[in-house]
């Protein structure tokens, strides 16, 4: 049965969303505060019923528009303008319903600190510039209400202006950070996918091209020409995998120049069939064909590594099954295959290799050791810079994706040991 695609839960993050929740609570609490101030000073108003009518409108408006300030999508600019208008009307209505003495003594306006909520809405929605402009509008309204530059009035205006501008600036920085984070996550996802494809290419196409090049040169004739083109394609493909640019010149153009048109293509196909028939299957094949079940189904790693055993490869395994998820077992087996490929290529066809599987409580460790000449110091880093990514991608990249590690221990003339370690529960 075909495997169902794995469903991933997408978590959307928003740094500013808590600010909208806080603004919602602020509007409700400051409405209650304005009602408490009105009730406390009811008998001191010139027109208490007029003040009560405005506060009734303010209360209903706040209750009806609670959901409007719960998110940036619901909080439109038209709503914010209406919200600010109600606040300014309340400030300018204060001298009409309140006494001059109370206003001169610094009595609060009808909306009181509810006004700051309207300004903060602009700050969260539009940033610090909108916050500065709306704070200026509120400042003009407060000065008109007092009809003088009173110290307490200026103090309140400056406090609202500084707070709203600061919050607006913080929101802008948070949005920029979210965009940067989203871009970084996209780049990371693209890089991981590129590395996965590069591993597959290294385990198949690049090795076959290298084999075709060597066998073609040994056979000679048309096969030698095919080997030369395969070598050029290998270099171009390695450059592309490593992240470089492939030149515009195509090796097939040389074939067309030498043989002409479709005749060259047919000769290339004929030679390819003859040479590829002599290319042995890579040792990575068992791992590629074994992961047929669900990714999280248990799989015995020993079954995937056993086909690697041969006259020059000794396989040592525990007596009990070594269970990993199918995806993790397949990737680990592919990494072992890549390590054995390196033994065959760099230590020679006569080199011997040993595979040791250790099943521990928290991890599975596979050690691949050979009796070759060893790896000179710095050679792995040089190979990665040259675009030869067998170690970087086919081995180390696979283990990194599993949450594990790959370590090399080598000394000239004393062989090489590769230790591959995968934690329990590791999955791609």
Foldseek 3Di string as FASTA:
>chain_A
DDDDDDDDDDDDDDPCQVVLVVLLVVLQVLLVVLVVLLVVCQVQKQASVVLVVLSVVSNVVSVVCSVCSNDLVSVDPVNLVVVLVSVLVQLLCQPVTHPLVCVLVPNATNSRCSNLSSLLSLLLNPALVSSQVSLVVVLVSNCVSNVHPDPVSVVVSVVSSVVSNVSRNVNVVSVVVVVVVVVVVVVVVVVLVLLVVVLVCLQPVLVLLQQQLVVLCVVDDLSNLLSVLSVLVSLQVLCVSLPHDRDPDHSVVVLCVVQNDVVSVVSSVVSCVVSSVPDDDQPLVLLVPQLPDDQQDWDFLCVSQVVVDDPQEAEAEDPDGQIAGSQLSSLQSQLVSLVVVCCCVPQHVPKHKYWYWDRDDWKIKIKIWIQGQWDPPPPVVVCSVSSNCSCVRSHQVSLVQQVWGWDWDTDGRGTIMIMRMHTHPGGD
